[in-house]
PDB file of N, CA and C in Angstrom:
ATOM      1  N   UNK A   1    -306.806 179.698  71.275  1.00  0.00           N
ATOM      2  CA  UNK A   1    -307.997 179.344  70.662  1.00  0.00           C
ATOM      3  C   UNK A   1    -309.107 180.408  71.071  1.00  0.00           C
ATOM      4  N   UNK A   2    -309.970 180.768  69.913  1.00  0.00           N
ATOM      5  CA  UNK A   2    -310.938 181.894  70.060  1.00  0.00           C
ATOM      6  C   UNK A   2    -312.012 181.349  70.754  1.00  0.00           C
ATOM      7  N   UNK A   3    -312.745 182.222  71.664  1.00  0.00           N
ATOM      8  CA  UNK A   3    -314.060 181.880  72.224  1.00  0.00           C
ATOM      9  C   UNK A   3    -315.138 181.720  71.204  1.00  0.00           C
ATOM     10  N   UNK A   4    -316.070 180.876  71.428  1.00  0.00           N
ATOM     11  CA  UNK A   4    -317.180 180.588  70.540  1.00  0.00           C
ATOM     12  C   UNK A   4    -318.205 181.518  70.708  1.00  0.00           C
ATOM     13  N   UNK A   5    -318.891 181.947  69.578  1.00  0.00           N
ATOM     14  CA  UNK A   5    -320.132 182.826  69.547  1.00  0.00           C
ATOM     15  C   UNK A   5    -321.120 182.094  68.530  1.00  0.00           C
ATOM     16  N   UNK A   6    -322.404 182.206  68.822  1.00  0.00           N
ATOM     17  CA  UNK A   6    -323.417 181.778  67.897  1.00  0.00           C
ATOM     18  C   UNK A   6    -324.013 182.921  67.255  1.00  0.00           C
ATOM     19  N   UNK A   7    -324.192 182.831  66.016  1.00  0.00           N
ATOM     20  CA  UNK A   7    -324.834 183.782  65.179  1.00  0.00           C
ATOM     21  C   UNK A   7    -326.334 183.443  65.026  1.00  0.00           C
ATOM     22  N   UNK A   8    -327.139 184.656  65.001  1.00  0.00           N
ATOM     23  CA  UNK A   8    -328.573 184.359  64.976  1.00  0.00           C
ATOM     24  C   UNK A   8    -329.091 185.427  64.151  1.00  0.00           C
ATOM     25  N   UNK A   9    -330.035 185.147  63.160  1.00  0.00           N
ATOM     26  CA  UNK A   9    -330.690 186.036  62.379  1.00  0.00           C
ATOM     27  C   UNK A   9    -332.099 185.529  62.320  1.00  0.00           C
ATOM     28  N   UNK A  10    -333.099 186.603  62.587  1.00  0.00           N
ATOM     29  CA  UNK A  10    -334.487 186.287  62.604  1.00  0.00           C
ATOM     30  C   UNK A  10    -334.936 185.758  61.234  1.00  0.00           C
ATOM     31  N   UNK A  11    -335.604 184.548  61.312  1.00  0.00           N
ATOM     32  CA  UNK A  11    -335.879 183.929  60.053  1.00  0.00           C
ATOM     33  C   UNK A  11    -336.807 184.784  59.198  1.00  0.00           C
ATOM     34  N   UNK A  12    -337.453 185.722  59.612  1.00  0.00           N
ATOM     35  CA  UNK A  12    -338.259 186.634  58.731  1.00  0.00           C
ATOM     36  C   UNK A  12    -337.606 187.784  58.247  1.00  0.00           C
ATOM     37  N   UNK A  13    -336.342 187.856  58.463  1.00  0.00           N
ATOM     38  CA  UNK A  13    -335.531 189.092  58.004  1.00  0.00           C
ATOM     39  C   UNK A  13    -335.625 189.175  56.380  1.00  0.00           C
ATOM     40  N   UNK A  14    -335.784 190.325  55.964  1.00  0.00           N
ATOM     41  CA  UNK A  14    -335.698 190.507  54.558  1.00  0.00           C
ATOM     42  C   UNK A  14    -334.446 190.716  53.832  1.00  0.00           C
ATOM     43  N   UNK A  15    -333.372 190.685  54.615  1.00  0.00           N
ATOM     44  CA  UNK A  15    -332.014 190.928  54.079  1.00  0.00           C
ATOM     45  C   UNK A  15    -331.076 189.823  54.716  1.00  0.00           C
ATOM     46  N   UNK A  16    -331.356 188.629  54.554  1.00  0.00           N
ATOM     47  CA  UNK A  16    -330.521 187.665  55.238  1.00  0.00           C
ATOM     48  C   UNK A  16    -328.975 187.661  54.972  1.00  0.00           C
ATOM     49  N   UNK A  17    -328.699 187.896  53.660  1.00  0.00           N
ATOM     50  CA  UNK A  17    -327.187 187.962  53.230  1.00  0.00           C
ATOM     51  C   UNK A  17    -326.568 189.172  53.902  1.00  0.00           C
ATOM     52  N   UNK A  18    -327.106 190.226  53.959  1.00  0.00           N
ATOM     53  CA  UNK A  18    -326.575 191.437  54.595  1.00  0.00           C
ATOM     54  C   UNK A  18    -326.409 191.220  56.008  1.00  0.00           C
ATOM     55  N   UNK A  19    -327.477 190.679  56.709  1.00  0.00           N
ATOM     56  CA  UNK A  19    -327.374 190.351  58.129  1.00  0.00           C
ATOM     57  C   UNK A  19    -326.375 189.368  58.448  1.00  0.00           C
ATOM     58  N   UNK A  20    -326.140 188.380  57.658  1.00  0.00           N
ATOM     59  CA  UNK A  20    -325.039 187.314  57.858  1.00  0.00           C
ATOM     60  C   UNK A  20    -323.637 188.148  57.787  1.00  0.00           C
ATOM     61  N   UNK A  21    -323.390 189.028  56.812  1.00  0.00           N
ATOM     62  CA  UNK A  21    -322.270 189.687  56.661  1.00  0.00           C
ATOM     63  C   UNK A  21    -321.915 190.622  57.875  1.00  0.00           C
ATOM     64  N   UNK A  22    -322.959 191.265  58.405  1.00  0.00           N
ATOM     65  CA  UNK A  22    -322.909 192.028  59.598  1.00  0.00           C
ATOM     66  C   UNK A  22    -322.457 191.231  60.704  1.00  0.00           C
ATOM     67  N   UNK A  23    -323.091 190.084  60.922  1.00  0.00           N
ATOM     68  CA  UNK A  23    -322.648 189.229  62.067  1.00  0.00           C
ATOM     69  C   UNK A  23    -321.287 188.637  61.913  1.00  0.00           C
ATOM     70  N   UNK A  24    -320.909 188.207  60.768  1.00  0.00           N
ATOM     71  CA  UNK A  24    -319.435 187.803  60.515  1.00  0.00           C
ATOM     72  C   UNK A  24    -318.519 188.854  60.844  1.00  0.00           C
ATOM     73  N   UNK A  25    -318.695 190.082  60.363  1.00  0.00           N
ATOM     74  CA  UNK A  25    -317.771 191.135  60.662  1.00  0.00           C
ATOM     75  C   UNK A  25    -317.672 191.525  62.068  1.00  0.00           C
ATOM     76  N   UNK A  26    -318.817 191.358  62.847  1.00  0.00           N
ATOM     77  CA  UNK A  26    -318.721 191.631  64.147  1.00  0.00           C
ATOM     78  C   UNK A  26    -318.042 190.534  64.982  1.00  0.00           C
ATOM     79  N   UNK A  27    -318.222 189.286  64.591  1.00  0.00           N
ATOM     80  CA  UNK A  27    -317.463 188.161  65.179  1.00  0.00           C
ATOM     81  C   UNK A  27    -315.897 188.420  65.004  1.00  0.00           C
ATOM     82  N   UNK A  28    -315.447 188.770  63.669  1.00  0.00           N
ATOM     83  CA  UNK A  28    -313.996 189.124  63.595  1.00  0.00           C
ATOM     84  C   UNK A  28    -313.583 190.135  64.417  1.00  0.00           C
ATOM     85  N   UNK A  29    -314.260 191.257  64.587  1.00  0.00           N
ATOM     86  CA  UNK A  29    -313.943 192.394  65.204  1.00  0.00           C
ATOM     87  C   UNK A  29    -313.765 192.107  66.703  1.00  0.00           C
ATOM     88  N   UNK A  30    -314.650 191.155  67.273  1.00  0.00           N
ATOM     89  CA  UNK A  30    -314.601 190.927  68.574  1.00  0.00           C
ATOM     90  C   UNK A  30    -313.760 189.674  68.925  1.00  0.00           C
ATOM     91  N   UNK A  31    -313.214 189.065  67.989  1.00  0.00           N
ATOM     92  CA  UNK A  31    -312.306 187.914  68.134  1.00  0.00           C
ATOM     93  C   UNK A  31    -312.969 186.680  68.462  1.00  0.00           C
ATOM     94  N   UNK A  32    -314.139 186.506  67.847  1.00  0.00           N
ATOM     95  CA  UNK A  32    -314.995 185.105  68.310  1.00  0.00           C
ATOM     96  C   UNK A  32    -314.820 184.144  67.008  1.00  0.00           C
ATOM     97  N   UNK A  33    -314.911 182.884  67.219  1.00  0.00           N
ATOM     98  CA  UNK A  33    -315.091 181.982  66.305  1.00  0.00           C
ATOM     99  C   UNK A  33    -316.610 181.687  66.182  1.00  0.00           C
ATOM    100  N   UNK A  34    -317.110 182.060  64.970  1.00  0.00           N
ATOM    101  CA  UNK A  34    -318.572 182.148  64.741  1.00  0.00           C
ATOM    102  C   UNK A  34    -319.110 180.805  64.309  1.00  0.00           C
ATOM    103  N   UNK A  35    -320.171 180.364  64.948  1.00  0.00           N
ATOM    104  CA  UNK A  35    -320.961 179.125  64.386  1.00  0.00           C
ATOM    105  C   UNK A  35    -322.251 179.717  64.338  1.00  0.00           C
ATOM    106  N   UNK A  36    -323.204 178.989  63.431  1.00  0.00           N
ATOM    107  CA  UNK A  36    -324.522 179.505  63.305  1.00  0.00           C
ATOM    108  C   UNK A  36    -325.549 178.447  63.957  1.00  0.00           C
ATOM    109  N   UNK A  37    -326.627 178.919  64.613  1.00  0.00           N
ATOM    110  CA  UNK A  37    -327.604 178.001  65.095  1.00  0.00           C
ATOM    111  C   UNK A  37    -328.153 177.146  64.133  1.00  0.00           C
ATOM    112  N   UNK A  38    -328.519 175.879  64.423  1.00  0.00           N
ATOM    113  CA  UNK A  38    -329.034 175.049  63.477  1.00  0.00           C
ATOM    114  C   UNK A  38    -330.611 175.181  63.399  1.00  0.00           C
ATOM    115  N   UNK A  39    -331.022 175.713  62.226  1.00  0.00           N
ATOM    116  CA  UNK A  39    -332.422 175.842  62.094  1.00  0.00           C
ATOM    117  C   UNK A  39    -333.294 174.626  62.044  1.00  0.00           C
ATOM    118  N   UNK A  40    -332.719 173.445  61.954  1.00  0.00           N
ATOM    119  CA  UNK A  40    -333.366 172.291  61.898  1.00  0.00           C
ATOM    120  C   UNK A  40    -333.287 171.405  63.237  1.00  0.00           C
ATOM    121  N   UNK A  41    -332.800 172.069  64.209  1.00  0.00           N
ATOM    122  CA  UNK A  41    -332.705 171.357  65.432  1.00  0.00           C
ATOM    123  C   UNK A  41    -333.988 171.146  66.136  1.00  0.00           C
ATOM    124  N   UNK A  42    -334.105 170.061  66.910  1.00  0.00           N
ATOM    125  CA  UNK A  42    -335.361 169.908  67.559  1.00  0.00           C
ATOM    126  C   UNK A  42    -335.405 170.806  68.788  1.00  0.00           C
ATOM    127  N   UNK A  43    -334.341 171.447  69.199  1.00  0.00           N
ATOM    128  CA  UNK A  43    -334.102 172.498  70.415  1.00  0.00           C
ATOM    129  C   UNK A  43    -334.457 173.835  69.793  1.00  0.00           C
ATOM    130  N   UNK A  44    -335.066 174.574  70.585  1.00  0.00           N
ATOM    131  CA  UNK A  44    -335.400 175.848  70.263  1.00  0.00           C
ATOM    132  C   UNK A  44    -334.285 176.707  70.227  1.00  0.00           C
ATOM    133  N   UNK A  45    -334.386 177.954  69.938  1.00  0.00           N
ATOM    134  CA  UNK A  45    -333.159 179.035  69.887  1.00  0.00           C
ATOM    135  C   UNK A  45    -332.473 179.059  71.263  1.00  0.00           C
ATOM    136  N   UNK A  46    -333.201 179.359  72.255  1.00  0.00           N
ATOM    137  CA  UNK A  46    -332.572 179.701  73.475  1.00  0.00           C
ATOM    138  C   UNK A  46    -332.017 178.287  74.088  1.00  0.00           C
ATOM    139  N   UNK A  47    -332.712 177.267  73.923  1.00  0.00           N
ATOM    140  CA  UNK A  47    -332.170 175.928  74.263  1.00  0.00           C
ATOM    141  C   UNK A  47    -330.953 175.452  73.540  1.00  0.00           C
ATOM    142  N   UNK A  48    -330.825 175.854  72.323  1.00  0.00           N
ATOM    143  CA  UNK A  48    -329.566 175.656  71.564  1.00  0.00           C
ATOM    144  C   UNK A  48    -328.404 176.355  72.144  1.00  0.00           C
ATOM    145  N   UNK A  49    -328.714 177.652  72.499  1.00  0.00           N
ATOM    146  CA  UNK A  49    -327.584 178.611  73.069  1.00  0.00           C
ATOM    147  C   UNK A  49    -327.314 177.967  74.330  1.00  0.00           C
ATOM    148  N   UNK A  50    -328.220 177.618  75.267  1.00  0.00           N
ATOM    149  CA  UNK A  50    -327.842 176.998  76.566  1.00  0.00           C
ATOM    150  C   UNK A  50    -326.985 175.700  76.345  1.00  0.00           C
ATOM    151  N   UNK A  51    -327.204 174.926  75.408  1.00  0.00           N
ATOM    152  CA  UNK A  51    -326.568 173.607  75.341  1.00  0.00           C
ATOM    153  C   UNK A  51    -325.272 173.941  74.736  1.00  0.00           C
ATOM    154  N   UNK A  52    -325.010 174.886  73.984  1.00  0.00           N
ATOM    155  CA  UNK A  52    -323.681 175.177  73.332  1.00  0.00           C
ATOM    156  C   UNK A  52    -322.663 175.648  74.349  1.00  0.00           C
ATOM    157  N   UNK A  53    -323.134 176.356  75.454  1.00  0.00           N
ATOM    158  CA  UNK A  53    -322.192 176.935  76.440  1.00  0.00           C
ATOM    159  C   UNK A  53    -321.369 178.032  75.593  1.00  0.00           C
ATOM    160  N   UNK A  54    -321.767 178.648  74.599  1.00  0.00           N
ATOM    161  CA  UNK A  54    -321.120 179.665  74.070  1.00  0.00           C
ATOM    162  C   UNK A  54    -320.934 180.892  74.850  1.00  0.00           C
ATOM    163  N   UNK A  55    -319.867 181.747  74.402  1.00  0.00           N
ATOM    164  CA  UNK A  55    -319.544 182.992  75.194  1.00  0.00           C
ATOM    165  C   UNK A  55    -320.559 184.140  74.783  1.00  0.00           C
ATOM    166  N   UNK A  56    -321.083 184.072  73.549  1.00  0.00           N
ATOM    167  CA  UNK A  56    -321.824 185.245  73.155  1.00  0.00           C
ATOM    168  C   UNK A  56    -322.866 184.706  72.169  1.00  0.00           C
ATOM    169  N   UNK A  57    -323.941 185.470  71.871  1.00  0.00           N
ATOM    170  CA  UNK A  57    -324.841 185.385  70.802  1.00  0.00           C
ATOM    171  C   UNK A  57    -324.658 186.715  70.010  1.00  0.00           C
ATOM    172  N   UNK A  58    -324.326 186.497  68.713  1.00  0.00           N
ATOM    173  CA  UNK A  58    -324.241 187.777  67.814  1.00  0.00           C
ATOM    174  C   UNK A  58    -325.383 187.899  66.905  1.00  0.00           C
ATOM    175  N   UNK A  59    -325.964 189.111  66.891  1.00  0.00           N
ATOM    176  CA  UNK A  59    -327.110 189.299  66.026  1.00  0.00           C
ATOM    177  C   UNK A  59    -326.825 190.639  65.190  1.00  0.00           C
ATOM    178  N   UNK A  60    -327.572 190.776  64.072  1.00  0.00           N
ATOM    179  CA  UNK A  60    -327.293 191.947  63.340  1.00  0.00           C
ATOM    180  C   UNK A  60    -327.820 193.161  63.977  1.00  0.00           C
ATOM    181  N   UNK A  61    -328.851 193.199  64.794  1.00  0.00           N
ATOM    182  CA  UNK A  61    -329.409 194.240  65.631  1.00  0.00           C
ATOM    183  C   UNK A  61    -330.412 193.681  66.660  1.00  0.00           C
ATOM    184  N   UNK A  62    -330.650 194.518  67.568  1.00  0.00           N
ATOM    185  CA  UNK A  62    -331.585 193.994  68.628  1.00  0.00           C
ATOM    186  C   UNK A  62    -332.990 193.786  68.132  1.00  0.00           C
ATOM    187  N   UNK A  63    -333.317 194.240  67.048  1.00  0.00           N
ATOM    188  CA  UNK A  63    -334.571 194.012  66.379  1.00  0.00           C
ATOM    189  C   UNK A  63    -334.823 192.591  65.985  1.00  0.00           C
ATOM    190  N   UNK A  64    -333.717 191.784  65.908  1.00  0.00           N
ATOM    191  CA  UNK A  64    -333.855 190.369  65.836  1.00  0.00           C
ATOM    192  C   UNK A  64    -334.183 189.445  66.957  1.00  0.00           C
ATOM    193  N   UNK A  65    -334.396 190.180  68.129  1.00  0.00           N
ATOM    194  CA  UNK A  65    -334.711 189.508  69.326  1.00  0.00           C
ATOM    195  C   UNK A  65    -335.876 190.128  69.930  1.00  0.00           C
ATOM    196  N   UNK A  66    -336.805 189.485  70.507  1.00  0.00           N
ATOM    197  CA  UNK A  66    -337.832 190.199  71.257  1.00  0.00           C
ATOM    198  C   UNK A  66    -337.356 190.172  72.814  1.00  0.00           C
ATOM    199  N   UNK A  67    -337.988 191.068  73.475  1.00  0.00           N
ATOM    200  CA  UNK A  67    -337.502 191.290  74.913  1.00  0.00           C
ATOM    201  C   UNK A  67    -337.569 190.017  75.670  1.00  0.00           C
ATOM    202  N   UNK A  68    -338.507 189.132  75.505  1.00  0.00           N
ATOM    203  CA  UNK A  68    -338.510 187.967  76.401  1.00  0.00           C
ATOM    204  C   UNK A  68    -337.332 186.991  76.045  1.00  0.00           C
ATOM    205  N   UNK A  69    -337.064 186.858  74.665  1.00  0.00           N
ATOM    206  CA  UNK A  69    -336.009 186.028  74.281  1.00  0.00           C
ATOM    207  C   UNK A  69    -334.576 186.694  74.787  1.00  0.00           C
ATOM    208  N   UNK A  70    -334.407 187.992  74.665  1.00  0.00           N
ATOM    209  CA  UNK A  70    -333.256 188.653  75.213  1.00  0.00           C
ATOM    210  C   UNK A  70    -333.130 188.348  76.711  1.00  0.00           C
ATOM    211  N   UNK A  71    -334.206 188.495  77.341  1.00  0.00           N
ATOM    212  CA  UNK A  71    -334.125 188.317  78.904  1.00  0.00           C
ATOM    213  C   UNK A  71    -333.648 186.755  79.192  1.00  0.00           C
ATOM    214  N   UNK A  72    -334.243 185.816  78.511  1.00  0.00           N
ATOM    215  CA  UNK A  72    -333.782 184.412  78.605  1.00  0.00           C
ATOM    216  C   UNK A  72    -332.379 184.325  78.408  1.00  0.00           C
ATOM    217  N   UNK A  73    -331.893 184.840  77.166  1.00  0.00           N
ATOM    218  CA  UNK A  73    -330.453 184.610  76.845  1.00  0.00           C
ATOM    219  C   UNK A  73    -329.621 185.240  77.868  1.00  0.00           C
ATOM    220  N   UNK A  74    -329.880 186.377  78.536  1.00  0.00           N
ATOM    221  CA  UNK A  74    -328.908 187.034  79.432  1.00  0.00           C
ATOM    222  C   UNK A  74    -328.797 186.175  80.566  1.00  0.00           C
ATOM    223  N   UNK A  75    -329.521 185.275  80.941  1.00  0.00           N
ATOM    224  CA  UNK A  75    -329.360 184.262  81.996  1.00  0.00           C
ATOM    225  C   UNK A  75    -328.105 183.329  81.745  1.00  0.00           C
ATOM    226  N   UNK A  76    -327.629 183.294  80.602  1.00  0.00           N
ATOM    227  CA  UNK A  76    -326.621 182.339  80.268  1.00  0.00           C
ATOM    228  C   UNK A  76    -325.370 182.884  79.424  1.00  0.00           C
ATOM    229  N   UNK A  77    -325.720 183.991  78.663  1.00  0.00           N
ATOM    230  CA  UNK A  77    -324.633 184.394  77.781  1.00  0.00           C
ATOM    231  C   UNK A  77    -324.747 185.837  77.458  1.00  0.00           C
ATOM    232  N   UNK A  78    -323.600 186.358  76.904  1.00  0.00           N
ATOM    233  CA  UNK A  78    -323.642 187.831  76.516  1.00  0.00           C
ATOM    234  C   UNK A  78    -324.323 187.886  75.084  1.00  0.00           C
ATOM    235  N   UNK A  79    -324.911 189.070  74.670  1.00  0.00           N
ATOM    236  CA  UNK A  79    -325.480 189.304  73.411  1.00  0.00           C
ATOM    237  C   UNK A  79    -324.872 190.486  72.835  1.00  0.00           C
ATOM    238  N   UNK A  80    -324.404 190.383  71.631  1.00  0.00           N
ATOM    239  CA  UNK A  80    -323.819 191.412  70.922  1.00  0.00           C
ATOM    240  C   UNK A  80    -324.586 191.912  69.660  1.00  0.00           C
ATOM    241  N   UNK A  81    -324.795 193.149  69.471  1.00  0.00           N
ATOM    242  CA  UNK A  81    -325.530 193.586  68.265  1.00  0.00           C
ATOM    243  C   UNK A  81    -324.523 194.408  67.360  1.00  0.00           C
ATOM    244  N   UNK A  82    -324.699 194.104  66.091  1.00  0.00           N
ATOM    245  CA  UNK A  82    -323.752 194.694  65.171  1.00  0.00           C
ATOM    246  C   UNK A  82    -324.187 196.195  64.935  1.00  0.00           C
ATOM    247  N   UNK A  83    -325.515 196.548  64.573  1.00  0.00           N
ATOM    248  CA  UNK A  83    -325.854 197.836  64.067  1.00  0.00           C
ATOM    249  C   UNK A  83    -327.408 198.120  64.647  1.00  0.00           C
ATOM    250  N   UNK A  84    -327.459 199.120  65.492  1.00  0.00           N
ATOM    251  CA  UNK A  84    -326.488 199.913  66.152  1.00  0.00           C
ATOM    252  C   UNK A  84    -325.618 198.949  67.203  1.00  0.00           C
ATOM    253  N   UNK A  85    -324.369 199.255  67.345  1.00  0.00           N
ATOM    254  CA  UNK A  85    -323.482 198.413  68.163  1.00  0.00           C
ATOM    255  C   UNK A  85    -324.019 198.555  69.588  1.00  0.00           C
ATOM    256  N   UNK A  86    -324.447 197.463  70.122  1.00  0.00           N
ATOM    257  CA  UNK A  86    -324.840 197.399  71.410  1.00  0.00           C
ATOM    258  C   UNK A  86    -324.212 195.883  72.013  1.00  0.00           C
ATOM    259  N   UNK A  87    -324.002 196.068  73.314  1.00  0.00           N
ATOM    260  CA  UNK A  87    -323.573 194.829  74.061  1.00  0.00           C
ATOM    261  C   UNK A  87    -324.433 194.671  75.321  1.00  0.00           C
ATOM    262  N   UNK A  88    -324.924 193.447  75.509  1.00  0.00           N
ATOM    263  CA  UNK A  88    -325.673 193.196  76.744  1.00  0.00           C
ATOM    264  C   UNK A  88    -325.015 192.061  77.424  1.00  0.00           C
ATOM    265  N   UNK A  89    -324.702 192.317  78.741  1.00  0.00           N
ATOM    266  CA  UNK A  89    -323.782 191.316  79.446  1.00  0.00           C
ATOM    267  C   UNK A  89    -324.741 190.375  80.195  1.00  0.00           C
ATOM    268  N   UNK A  90    -324.250 189.089  80.175  1.00  0.00           N
ATOM    269  CA  UNK A  90    -324.905 188.098  80.891  1.00  0.00           C
ATOM    270  C   UNK A  90    -324.859 188.497  82.584  1.00  0.00           C
ATOM    271  N   UNK A  91    -326.061 188.244  83.020  1.00  0.00           N
ATOM    272  CA  UNK A  91    -326.144 188.748  84.482  1.00  0.00           C
ATOM    273  C   UNK A  91    -325.135 188.101  85.398  1.00  0.00           C
ATOM    274  N   UNK A  92    -324.816 186.838  85.153  1.00  0.00           N
ATOM    275  CA  UNK A  92    -323.731 186.224  86.120  1.00  0.00           C
ATOM    276  C   UNK A  92    -322.540 186.880  85.935  1.00  0.00           C
ATOM    277  N   UNK A  93    -322.041 187.266  84.750  1.00  0.00           N
ATOM    278  CA  UNK A  93    -320.765 187.930  84.538  1.00  0.00           C
ATOM    279  C   UNK A  93    -320.853 189.313  85.054  1.00  0.00           C
ATOM    280  N   UNK A  94    -321.998 190.067  84.860  1.00  0.00           N
ATOM    281  CA  UNK A  94    -322.048 191.406  85.301  1.00  0.00           C
ATOM    282  C   UNK A  94    -321.918 191.502  86.830  1.00  0.00           C
ATOM    283  N   UNK A  95    -322.395 190.389  87.448  1.00  0.00           N
ATOM    284  CA  UNK A  95    -322.325 190.449  88.894  1.00  0.00           C
ATOM    285  C   UNK A  95    -320.928 189.839  89.427  1.00  0.00           C
ATOM    286  N   UNK A  96    -320.140 189.506  88.526  1.00  0.00           N
ATOM    287  CA  UNK A  96    -318.714 189.054  89.036  1.00  0.00           C
ATOM    288  C   UNK A  96    -318.499 187.621  89.053  1.00  0.00           C
ATOM    289  N   UNK A  97    -319.362 186.717  88.644  1.00  0.00           N
ATOM    290  CA  UNK A  97    -319.123 185.333  88.585  1.00  0.00           C
ATOM    291  C   UNK A  97    -319.616 184.723  87.256  1.00  0.00           C
ATOM    292  N   UNK A  98    -319.040 183.641  86.931  1.00  0.00           N
ATOM    293  CA  UNK A  98    -319.400 182.924  85.791  1.00  0.00           C
ATOM    294  C   UNK A  98    -320.304 181.634  85.944  1.00  0.00           C
ATOM    295  N   UNK A  99    -320.915 181.239  85.050  1.00  0.00           N
ATOM    296  CA  UNK A  99    -321.822 180.089  85.262  1.00  0.00           C
ATOM    297  C   UNK A  99    -320.988 178.777  85.276  1.00  0.00           C
TER     298      UNK A  99
END
């Protein structure tokens, strides 16, 4: 069974379809089963990620996350960016232990 990843696209993105294609391609390349965050959830973005216990959050680029959000996400999960290709490791995994 493939690990889960959540896809995220900034709601103000001018190219949603292109961004979705980038995230889907990245998920395939990295071997993740992709799910999308629920935009109608009462939980915020980071809270949905924390509740899902996903392995990674996939985004089209780091421009879709602000520094504070990236900082919060790295407390619980990895973040993978499609273009330019970047990986940000969860702090607990980088330190050698899992949550």
